[in-house]
Amino acid sequence: MKDLGVSEVVFPEFEASLEMTRQSLLYLRIPPAEVQRHTDKFRQELYAALFNSNDSYRLLSQLRGAEQQFDLQWIRLSKDSIMADRSIGESEIHKTTGVSIFGVVRDCQLKYNPDAKFVWMPED
């Protein structure tokens, strides 16, 4: 499948069963972070065989799971963005908006937890 350019695969029955399990555990007042940790673990075990089980894939999977629990959003910087070619610190994004940067995807690679010196580039 990778040779054909497939980058994401979904098994609907598996995902439905995970969601039913997740909802049941949340109803039983299991902490959401613990529920997410377990569902991510099961998902990674199933899908890892289809992808390289590297740190970037694992982190990206965890960030995608966090989207369901937090107001986590992915934003692509346009070529003419005022943020481009400035560091995270210079942009004062957290100071002015309260937003925290958890990761940046550049050249199909996840750069997680970038520091204030990290310089934004167009298409990040």
Protein backbone atom coordinates (compact mmCIF):
# COMPACT_ATOMS: atom_id res chain seq x y z
CA MET A 1 0.00 0.00 0.00
CA LYS A 2 2.89 2.38 0.73
CA ASP A 3 4.23 1.74 -2.78
CA LEU A 4 0.91 2.99 -4.14
CA GLY A 5 1.20 6.22 -2.15
CA VAL A 6 -1.33 5.35 0.55
CA SER A 7 -0.53 7.47 3.59
CA GLU A 8 -3.51 6.69 5.81
CA VAL A 9 -5.57 3.58 6.37
CA VAL A 10 -8.71 3.19 8.45
CA PHE A 11 -10.38 -0.02 9.56
CA PRO A 12 -13.97 1.13 10.23
CA GLU A 13 -14.96 -1.78 12.47
CA PHE A 14 -11.84 -1.36 14.58
CA GLU A 15 -12.31 2.42 14.89
CA ALA A 16 -15.99 1.94 15.79
CA SER A 17 -15.09 -0.55 18.50
CA LEU A 18 -12.47 1.83 19.91
CA GLU A 19 -15.00 4.65 20.00
CA MET A 20 -17.60 2.49 21.76
CA THR A 21 -14.95 1.44 24.28
CA ARG A 22 -13.83 5.04 24.74
CA GLN A 23 -17.37 6.25 25.36
CA SER A 24 -18.02 3.43 27.82
CA LEU A 25 -14.86 4.16 29.79
CA LEU A 26 -15.61 7.87 29.88
CA TYR A 27 -19.13 7.06 31.14
CA LEU A 28 -17.49 5.02 33.91
CA ARG A 29 -15.50 8.14 34.81
CA ILE A 30 -12.11 6.78 33.76
CA PRO A 31 -9.85 9.85 33.29
CA PRO A 32 -9.85 10.97 29.63
CA ALA A 33 -6.04 10.99 29.42
CA GLU A 34 -5.92 7.35 30.54
CA VAL A 35 -8.64 6.36 28.06
CA GLN A 36 -6.77 8.15 25.26
CA ARG A 37 -3.49 6.50 26.21
CA HIS A 38 -5.04 3.04 25.96
CA THR A 39 -6.91 3.66 22.71
CA ASP A 40 -3.78 5.16 21.16
CA LYS A 41 -1.81 2.10 22.22
CA PHE A 42 -4.30 -0.28 20.57
CA ARG A 43 -4.44 1.86 17.44
CA GLN A 44 -0.64 2.00 17.16
CA GLU A 45 -0.35 -1.76 17.59
CA LEU A 46 -2.74 -2.38 14.71
CA TYR A 47 -1.54 0.31 12.33
CA ALA A 48 2.21 0.12 13.10
CA ALA A 49 2.63 -2.82 10.74
CA LEU A 50 1.37 -0.62 7.89
CA PHE A 51 3.75 2.25 8.57
CA ASN A 52 7.28 2.72 9.78
CA SER A 53 6.96 2.60 13.52
CA ASN A 54 9.16 5.62 14.08
CA ASP A 55 8.95 8.34 16.70
CA SER A 56 7.47 10.93 14.31
CA TYR A 57 4.57 8.65 13.35
CA ARG A 58 3.90 7.78 16.98
CA LEU A 59 3.98 11.45 18.04
CA LEU A 60 1.77 12.53 15.17
CA SER A 61 -0.70 9.81 16.09
CA GLN A 62 -0.72 11.02 19.69
CA LEU A 63 -1.26 14.62 18.59
CA ARG A 64 -4.16 13.55 16.38
CA GLY A 65 -5.68 11.74 19.35
CA ALA A 66 -5.24 14.86 21.47
CA GLU A 67 -7.30 16.81 18.93
CA GLN A 68 -10.36 15.07 20.33
CA GLN A 69 -9.63 16.18 23.90
CA PHE A 70 -8.24 19.66 23.43
CA ASP A 71 -8.72 22.56 21.08
CA LEU A 72 -5.78 21.37 19.00
CA GLN A 73 -5.66 22.73 15.47
CA TRP A 74 -3.28 22.33 12.56
CA ILE A 75 -2.58 25.50 10.59
CA ARG A 76 -0.53 25.72 7.40
CA LEU A 77 1.53 28.87 6.97
CA SER A 78 0.97 30.44 3.59
CA LYS A 79 3.88 31.63 1.50
CA ASP A 80 3.09 35.24 2.36
CA SER A 81 2.38 34.69 6.07
CA ILE A 82 3.77 37.32 8.42
CA MET A 83 4.88 34.45 10.66
CA ALA A 84 7.22 33.00 8.01
CA ASP A 85 10.96 33.47 8.55
CA ARG A 86 10.41 34.51 12.18
CA SER A 87 11.16 32.47 15.27
CA ILE A 88 8.42 31.33 17.59
CA GLY A 89 9.88 33.69 20.20
CA GLU A 90 9.95 36.65 17.82
CA SER A 91 6.35 36.04 16.82
CA GLU A 92 5.28 36.21 20.50
CA ILE A 93 2.44 33.86 19.55
CA HIS A 94 1.89 32.58 23.09
CA LYS A 95 2.09 36.04 24.63
CA THR A 96 -0.38 37.60 22.19
CA THR A 97 -2.81 34.71 21.65
CA GLY A 98 -2.27 32.20 24.46
CA VAL A 99 -1.56 29.51 21.86
CA SER A 100 1.06 26.85 22.58
CA ILE A 101 2.94 25.14 19.76
CA PHE A 102 3.11 21.35 20.23
CA GLY A 103 4.56 20.42 16.89
CA VAL A 104 5.43 21.59 13.40
CA VAL A 105 5.32 19.45 10.27
CA ARG A 106 8.03 20.38 7.77
CA ASP A 107 8.97 18.32 4.73
CA CYS A 108 6.70 15.50 5.95
CA GLN A 109 8.61 15.32 9.24
CA LEU A 110 7.13 16.16 12.62
CA LYS A 111 9.27 18.50 14.68
CA TYR A 112 7.75 18.15 18.13
CA ASN A 113 7.94 20.64 20.98
CA PRO A 114 9.85 23.35 19.08
CA ASP A 115 11.59 25.91 21.27
CA ALA A 116 11.42 29.71 21.04
CA LYS A 117 14.39 29.75 18.59
CA PHE A 118 12.54 27.59 16.04
CA VAL A 119 12.09 29.60 12.81
CA TRP A 120 8.83 29.24 10.91
CA MET A 121 9.02 28.60 7.17
CA PRO A 122 6.30 28.93 4.52
CA GLU A 123 4.22 25.74 4.24
CA ASP A 124 5.01 24.68 7.86
